[in-house]
């Protein structure tokens, strides 16, 4: 998904700040250098005058008429460089010092985004995802099957907890690989601490690396945010709410831990339905059993999920408890 207008504006404001800072710092260096070495100011004036003459002659008489002017400018540039070195200044002291020399802090090289713009995109998306710190630890590289039993079995499938985890892991990777070519949604369910949130973080991390817009919310935080935008109607609330419905991937974690009421139930249905309509992917994780989920959020909501989400169940012992007993290993 392309950046939304307000995201693009955030990045471009930073480029504008960089340009202003570069101009201010250059002017400060110029004043210092000209005060110490007045001849440098004279050279700048002479170069400006010669450049204007060169442009005028080029228009009137063609390239051949400006060869002499080129030599004069080159001699002045050599003199300026010598004066800078003789007085302890760096050779580029009177040049702009850009954060990104490639695009000169414009964000673009020609009509293409500079690599620094793409980096800024990813940084912004990470910051807005609510996942920046957690993804350093919770990613595919750190996903371990050792926490899953090879004796505990899912009665419905006959697969062990470890085999079930492998199937879920493969499903998560397929979700990432096919994200841009196939519309898909995931519903991760199972008891507490079996890796549902970890797996959703793995997916989020991979998509953020490729500049996809990912938003993560615990169920409580999501409905709290929606309640504020619904009842307070603060400036910008509509834009923020639309961002929830239109981001590339929305992760709703621990659904069922919030206080469920008619508002929450209706907002969940609307959120899911709106994102399905816009063909924006969603991942939901819950500790609830499927029958309890249906009872908590209505059959209508569960029907939308069952018909549009890939259902992935994880089983096993609570990994957090296992880590506690093993001293955090």
Protein backbone atom coordinates (compact mmCIF):
# COMPACT_ATOMS: atom_id res chain seq x y z
CA UNK A 1 0.00 0.00 0.00
CA UNK A 2 1.29 3.50 -0.82
CA UNK A 3 1.81 5.81 2.13
CA UNK A 4 -1.28 7.64 3.21
CA UNK A 5 -1.14 11.41 2.79
CA UNK A 6 -0.46 12.15 6.46
CA UNK A 7 2.38 9.58 6.53
CA UNK A 8 3.95 11.08 3.39
CA UNK A 9 3.62 14.54 4.94
CA UNK A 10 5.42 13.39 8.11
CA UNK A 11 8.40 12.22 6.05
CA UNK A 12 8.49 15.29 3.81
CA UNK A 13 8.32 17.62 6.84
CA UNK A 14 11.47 15.93 8.12
CA UNK A 15 13.19 16.55 4.78
CA UNK A 16 12.10 20.18 4.96
CA UNK A 17 13.59 20.45 8.48
CA UNK A 18 16.83 18.92 7.23
CA UNK A 19 17.05 21.42 4.36
CA UNK A 20 16.40 24.36 6.67
CA UNK A 21 19.02 23.12 9.12
CA UNK A 22 21.54 22.62 6.30
CA UNK A 23 20.99 26.18 5.02
CA UNK A 24 21.30 27.65 8.51
CA UNK A 25 24.47 25.74 9.33
CA UNK A 26 26.02 26.66 5.96
CA UNK A 27 25.28 30.35 6.54
CA UNK A 28 26.88 30.15 10.00
CA UNK A 29 30.02 28.56 8.52
CA UNK A 30 30.12 31.17 5.74
CA UNK A 31 29.94 34.05 8.23
CA UNK A 32 32.70 32.53 10.33
CA UNK A 33 34.98 31.85 7.34
CA UNK A 34 34.37 35.28 5.71
CA UNK A 35 35.12 37.03 8.99
CA UNK A 36 38.44 35.24 9.37
CA UNK A 37 39.37 35.30 5.68
CA UNK A 38 37.66 38.23 3.87
CA UNK A 39 39.14 37.14 0.55
CA UNK A 40 36.79 34.12 0.62
CA UNK A 41 33.77 36.45 0.46
CA UNK A 42 35.35 38.29 -2.47
CA UNK A 43 35.92 35.01 -4.31
CA UNK A 44 32.29 33.99 -3.79
CA UNK A 45 31.17 37.31 -5.27
CA UNK A 46 33.49 36.98 -8.26
CA UNK A 47 32.36 33.39 -8.93
CA UNK A 48 28.72 34.48 -8.80
CA UNK A 49 29.39 37.31 -11.25
CA UNK A 50 31.32 35.05 -13.65
CA UNK A 51 28.62 32.38 -13.47
CA UNK A 52 25.99 34.93 -14.41
CA UNK A 53 28.14 36.11 -17.35
CA UNK A 54 28.68 32.48 -18.43
CA UNK A 55 24.95 31.79 -18.46
CA UNK A 56 24.26 34.96 -20.43
CA UNK A 57 26.99 34.26 -23.01
CA UNK A 58 25.89 30.65 -23.33
CA UNK A 59 22.39 31.77 -24.29
CA UNK A 60 23.60 34.45 -26.68
CA UNK A 61 26.69 32.94 -28.30
CA UNK A 62 26.79 29.18 -27.60
CA UNK A 63 29.17 26.90 -25.71
CA UNK A 64 32.38 27.95 -27.43
CA UNK A 65 32.22 31.51 -26.06
CA UNK A 66 32.45 30.54 -22.39
CA UNK A 67 35.73 28.56 -22.35
CA UNK A 68 37.60 31.51 -20.90
CA UNK A 69 35.02 32.01 -18.18
CA UNK A 70 35.31 28.34 -17.21
CA UNK A 71 39.05 28.75 -16.65
CA UNK A 72 38.56 31.88 -14.54
CA UNK A 73 36.00 30.09 -12.32
CA UNK A 74 38.33 27.08 -11.98
CA UNK A 75 41.22 29.33 -10.89
CA UNK A 76 39.03 31.03 -8.29
CA UNK A 77 37.89 27.62 -7.01
CA UNK A 78 41.54 26.56 -6.60
CA UNK A 79 42.32 29.78 -4.73
CA UNK A 80 39.35 29.27 -2.41
CA UNK A 81 40.40 25.69 -1.67
CA UNK A 82 43.95 26.81 -0.83
CA UNK A 83 42.69 29.56 1.49
CA UNK A 84 40.43 27.11 3.32
CA UNK A 85 43.27 24.66 3.90
CA UNK A 86 45.74 27.37 4.92
CA UNK A 87 43.30 28.63 7.57
CA UNK A 88 42.42 25.24 9.06
CA UNK A 89 39.05 24.74 7.35
CA UNK A 90 38.01 21.49 5.68
CA UNK A 91 37.84 21.57 1.86
CA UNK A 92 34.03 21.29 1.94
CA UNK A 93 33.56 23.85 4.71
CA UNK A 94 31.65 26.24 2.44
CA UNK A 95 29.53 23.51 0.87
CA UNK A 96 26.15 22.23 2.16
CA UNK A 97 26.54 19.21 4.47
CA UNK A 98 23.60 16.97 3.58
CA UNK A 99 22.36 14.08 5.68
CA UNK A 100 21.95 12.22 2.39
CA UNK A 101 24.33 13.44 -0.34
CA UNK A 102 22.60 11.22 -2.92
CA UNK A 103 19.34 13.19 -2.97
CA UNK A 104 20.63 16.31 -1.17
CA UNK A 105 17.88 15.83 1.42
CA UNK A 106 15.01 16.08 -1.03
CA UNK A 107 13.99 12.41 -0.74
CA UNK A 108 14.09 11.98 -4.52
CA UNK A 109 16.67 11.32 -7.22
CA UNK A 110 14.92 12.53 -10.34
CA UNK A 111 11.39 11.21 -9.99
CA UNK A 112 12.38 8.13 -8.00
CA UNK A 113 12.45 7.78 -4.24
CA UNK A 114 15.94 7.84 -2.77
CA UNK A 115 17.12 4.92 -0.63
CA UNK A 116 16.97 7.26 2.38
CA UNK A 117 13.26 7.87 1.69
CA UNK A 118 12.62 4.13 1.63
CA UNK A 119 14.48 3.82 4.93
CA UNK A 120 12.38 6.65 6.38
CA UNK A 121 9.24 4.83 5.21
CA UNK A 122 10.23 1.68 7.06
CA UNK A 123 11.21 3.62 10.19
CA UNK A 124 7.86 5.41 10.21
CA UNK A 125 5.92 2.20 9.66
CA UNK A 126 7.80 0.48 12.47
CA UNK A 127 7.11 3.39 14.80
CA UNK A 128 3.40 3.44 13.96
CA UNK A 129 3.02 -0.34 14.17
CA UNK A 130 3.45 -0.36 18.00
CA UNK A 131 5.94 -3.23 17.53
CA UNK A 132 9.41 -1.68 17.18
CA UNK A 133 11.05 -3.14 20.31
CA UNK A 134 9.27 -6.50 20.52
CA UNK A 135 10.23 -7.49 16.98
CA UNK A 136 13.91 -7.52 17.90
CA UNK A 137 13.17 -10.67 19.93
CA UNK A 138 10.03 -12.09 18.41
CA UNK A 139 10.64 -13.01 14.78
CA UNK A 140 10.94 -16.07 12.56
CA UNK A 141 14.65 -16.37 13.36
CA UNK A 142 13.89 -16.82 17.06
CA UNK A 143 10.86 -19.08 16.68
CA UNK A 144 11.68 -22.42 18.35
CA UNK A 145 9.82 -25.70 18.06
CA UNK A 146 11.56 -26.97 21.22
CA UNK A 147 8.78 -25.49 23.35
CA UNK A 148 6.19 -27.75 21.72
CA UNK A 149 5.61 -31.30 22.93
CA UNK A 150 5.95 -34.26 20.58
CA UNK A 151 3.60 -36.31 22.79
CA UNK A 152 0.65 -33.94 23.29
CA UNK A 153 -1.75 -34.45 20.37
CA UNK A 154 -4.61 -32.60 18.77
CA UNK A 155 -7.46 -35.13 18.88
CA UNK A 156 -9.12 -33.64 15.81
CA UNK A 157 -6.05 -33.89 13.54
CA UNK A 158 -3.90 -36.50 15.26
CA UNK A 159 -0.91 -34.13 15.00
CA UNK A 160 1.41 -33.51 17.93
CA UNK A 161 1.83 -30.02 19.36
CA UNK A 162 5.19 -29.78 17.60
CA UNK A 163 3.81 -30.87 14.24
CA UNK A 164 0.89 -28.48 14.71
CA UNK A 165 3.37 -25.67 15.40
CA UNK A 166 5.33 -26.55 12.26
CA UNK A 167 2.15 -26.41 10.21
CA UNK A 168 1.28 -23.02 11.74
CA UNK A 169 4.83 -21.75 11.13
CA UNK A 170 4.66 -22.80 7.47
CA UNK A 171 1.23 -21.19 7.17
CA UNK A 172 2.64 -17.94 8.56
CA UNK A 173 5.53 -17.93 6.08
CA UNK A 174 3.14 -18.64 3.21
CA UNK A 175 1.03 -15.71 4.39
CA UNK A 176 4.09 -13.47 4.07
CA UNK A 177 5.27 -14.86 0.73
CA UNK A 178 1.84 -14.52 -0.89
CA UNK A 179 0.86 -11.27 0.78
CA UNK A 180 1.07 -9.12 -2.34
CA UNK A 181 -0.47 -11.65 -4.69
CA UNK A 182 -3.31 -13.16 -2.66
CA UNK A 183 -5.79 -11.60 -0.25
CA UNK A 184 -5.75 -13.61 2.97
CA UNK A 185 -6.57 -13.38 6.68
CA UNK A 186 -5.53 -15.49 9.67
CA UNK A 187 -7.40 -16.51 12.82
CA UNK A 188 -4.97 -17.89 15.41
CA UNK A 189 -6.56 -19.64 18.35
CA UNK A 190 -5.56 -21.91 21.20
CA UNK A 191 -4.90 -21.81 24.93
CA UNK A 192 -2.78 -19.18 26.68
CA UNK A 193 0.92 -19.01 25.91
CA UNK A 194 1.15 -21.36 22.92
CA UNK A 195 2.76 -18.83 20.55
CA UNK A 196 -0.13 -17.11 18.79
CA UNK A 197 1.13 -13.58 19.49
CA UNK A 198 4.72 -14.58 18.74
CA UNK A 199 3.68 -15.93 15.34
CA UNK A 200 1.76 -12.77 14.47
CA UNK A 201 4.86 -10.74 15.41
CA UNK A 202 6.94 -12.89 13.04
CA UNK A 203 4.59 -12.04 10.19
CA UNK A 204 4.52 -8.35 11.09
CA UNK A 205 8.30 -8.11 11.16
CA UNK A 206 8.72 -9.59 7.69
CA UNK A 207 6.07 -7.34 6.17
CA UNK A 208 7.47 -4.21 7.81
CA UNK A 209 10.87 -4.99 6.25
CA UNK A 210 9.24 -4.65 2.84
CA UNK A 211 7.53 -1.33 3.68
CA UNK A 212 4.07 -2.72 4.28
CA UNK A 213 1.91 -0.79 6.70
CA UNK A 214 1.23 -2.97 9.75
CA UNK A 215 -0.74 -1.99 12.84
CA UNK A 216 -0.74 -4.05 16.02
CA UNK A 217 -3.28 -3.61 18.82
CA UNK A 218 -4.26 -5.63 21.79
CA UNK A 219 -8.04 -6.05 21.68
CA UNK A 220 -8.39 -3.76 24.70
CA UNK A 221 -6.31 -0.96 23.11
CA UNK A 222 -8.10 -1.25 19.76
CA UNK A 223 -11.60 -0.92 21.17
CA UNK A 224 -10.46 1.79 23.57
CA UNK A 225 -9.10 3.72 20.56
CA UNK A 226 -12.29 3.20 18.58
CA UNK A 227 -14.42 4.26 21.56
CA UNK A 228 -12.48 7.52 21.91
CA UNK A 229 -12.78 8.31 18.22
CA UNK A 230 -16.49 7.47 18.27
CA UNK A 231 -17.50 9.38 21.38
CA UNK A 232 -15.01 12.24 21.60
CA UNK A 233 -14.75 13.16 17.89
CA UNK A 234 -11.41 14.92 18.37
CA UNK A 235 -9.75 16.55 15.35
CA UNK A 236 -8.04 13.88 13.26
CA UNK A 237 -10.13 11.05 14.73
CA UNK A 238 -11.70 10.16 11.38
CA UNK A 239 -8.28 9.96 9.74
CA UNK A 240 -6.92 7.76 12.52
CA UNK A 241 -9.96 5.48 12.38
CA UNK A 242 -9.66 5.14 8.61
CA UNK A 243 -6.00 4.22 9.06
CA UNK A 244 -7.12 1.23 11.16
CA UNK A 245 -9.46 0.10 8.40
CA UNK A 246 -7.05 0.71 5.52
CA UNK A 247 -3.56 -0.34 6.69
CA UNK A 248 -2.03 -3.30 4.84
CA UNK A 249 -2.24 -5.60 7.87
CA UNK A 250 -4.15 -5.13 11.11
CA UNK A 251 -3.28 -7.44 14.01
CA UNK A 252 -5.89 -7.73 16.76
CA UNK A 253 -4.25 -9.63 19.60
CA UNK A 254 -5.86 -11.39 22.56
CA UNK A 255 -9.41 -10.90 21.41
CA UNK A 256 -11.66 -11.95 24.28
CA UNK A 257 -9.59 -10.39 27.06
CA UNK A 258 -11.36 -7.03 26.75
CA UNK A 259 -14.70 -6.24 28.37
CA UNK A 260 -17.13 -7.50 25.73
CA UNK A 261 -20.35 -5.53 25.28
CA UNK A 262 -22.65 -4.49 22.47
CA UNK A 263 -20.33 -1.67 21.41
CA UNK A 264 -17.30 -3.97 21.19
CA UNK A 265 -19.29 -6.62 19.32
CA UNK A 266 -20.64 -4.16 16.76
CA UNK A 267 -17.24 -2.45 16.30
CA UNK A 268 -15.53 -5.79 15.75
CA UNK A 269 -18.04 -6.75 13.09
CA UNK A 270 -17.74 -3.38 11.38
CA UNK A 271 -13.92 -3.47 11.48
CA UNK A 272 -13.75 -6.99 10.03
CA UNK A 273 -16.40 -6.27 7.41
CA UNK A 274 -14.84 -2.95 6.39
CA UNK A 275 -11.41 -4.50 5.96
CA UNK A 276 -12.87 -7.39 3.97
CA UNK A 277 -14.61 -4.91 1.70
CA UNK A 278 -11.38 -3.00 1.17
CA UNK A 279 -9.45 -6.28 0.80
CA UNK A 280 -7.08 -5.44 3.63
CA UNK A 281 -5.61 -8.37 5.53
CA UNK A 282 -6.30 -8.99 9.22
CA UNK A 283 -4.83 -11.34 11.80
CA UNK A 284 -6.85 -12.13 14.90
CA UNK A 285 -5.56 -14.13 17.87
CA UNK A 286 -7.69 -15.36 20.75
CA UNK A 287 -7.58 -17.76 23.69
CA UNK A 288 -11.30 -18.44 23.28
CA UNK A 289 -12.65 -21.73 21.99
CA UNK A 290 -14.54 -21.34 18.74
CA UNK A 291 -17.93 -21.96 20.34
CA UNK A 292 -17.18 -19.42 23.07
CA UNK A 293 -16.02 -16.89 20.47
CA UNK A 294 -19.27 -17.21 18.59
CA UNK A 295 -21.26 -16.72 21.80
CA UNK A 296 -19.21 -13.65 22.79
CA UNK A 297 -19.25 -11.78 19.48
CA UNK A 298 -22.37 -13.08 17.71
CA UNK A 299 -22.85 -15.71 15.05
CA UNK A 300 -22.82 -13.01 12.37
CA UNK A 301 -19.26 -11.99 13.27
CA UNK A 302 -18.07 -15.57 13.58
CA UNK A 303 -19.62 -16.39 10.21
CA UNK A 304 -17.62 -13.56 8.58
CA UNK A 305 -14.43 -14.90 10.15
CA UNK A 306 -15.08 -18.57 9.40
CA UNK A 307 -15.74 -17.88 5.73
CA UNK A 308 -12.90 -15.40 5.13
CA UNK A 309 -10.07 -16.37 7.51
CA UNK A 310 -7.67 -19.29 7.56
CA UNK A 311 -8.18 -20.92 10.97
CA UNK A 312 -4.93 -21.98 12.66
CA UNK A 313 -4.97 -23.70 16.03
CA UNK A 314 -1.92 -24.02 18.28
CA UNK A 315 -1.78 -26.46 21.20
CA UNK A 316 0.67 -27.29 23.96
CA UNK A 317 1.90 -26.12 27.34
CA UNK A 318 2.21 -22.44 28.22
CA UNK A 319 5.60 -21.37 26.81
CA UNK A 320 5.86 -18.44 29.23
CA UNK A 321 5.52 -20.81 32.19
CA UNK A 322 8.07 -23.18 30.67
CA UNK A 323 10.55 -20.32 30.33
CA UNK A 324 10.01 -19.30 33.95
CA UNK A 325 10.77 -22.80 35.20
CA UNK A 326 13.82 -23.00 32.92
CA UNK A 327 15.17 -19.69 34.19
CA UNK A 328 14.28 -17.71 31.07
CA UNK A 329 16.13 -20.06 28.70
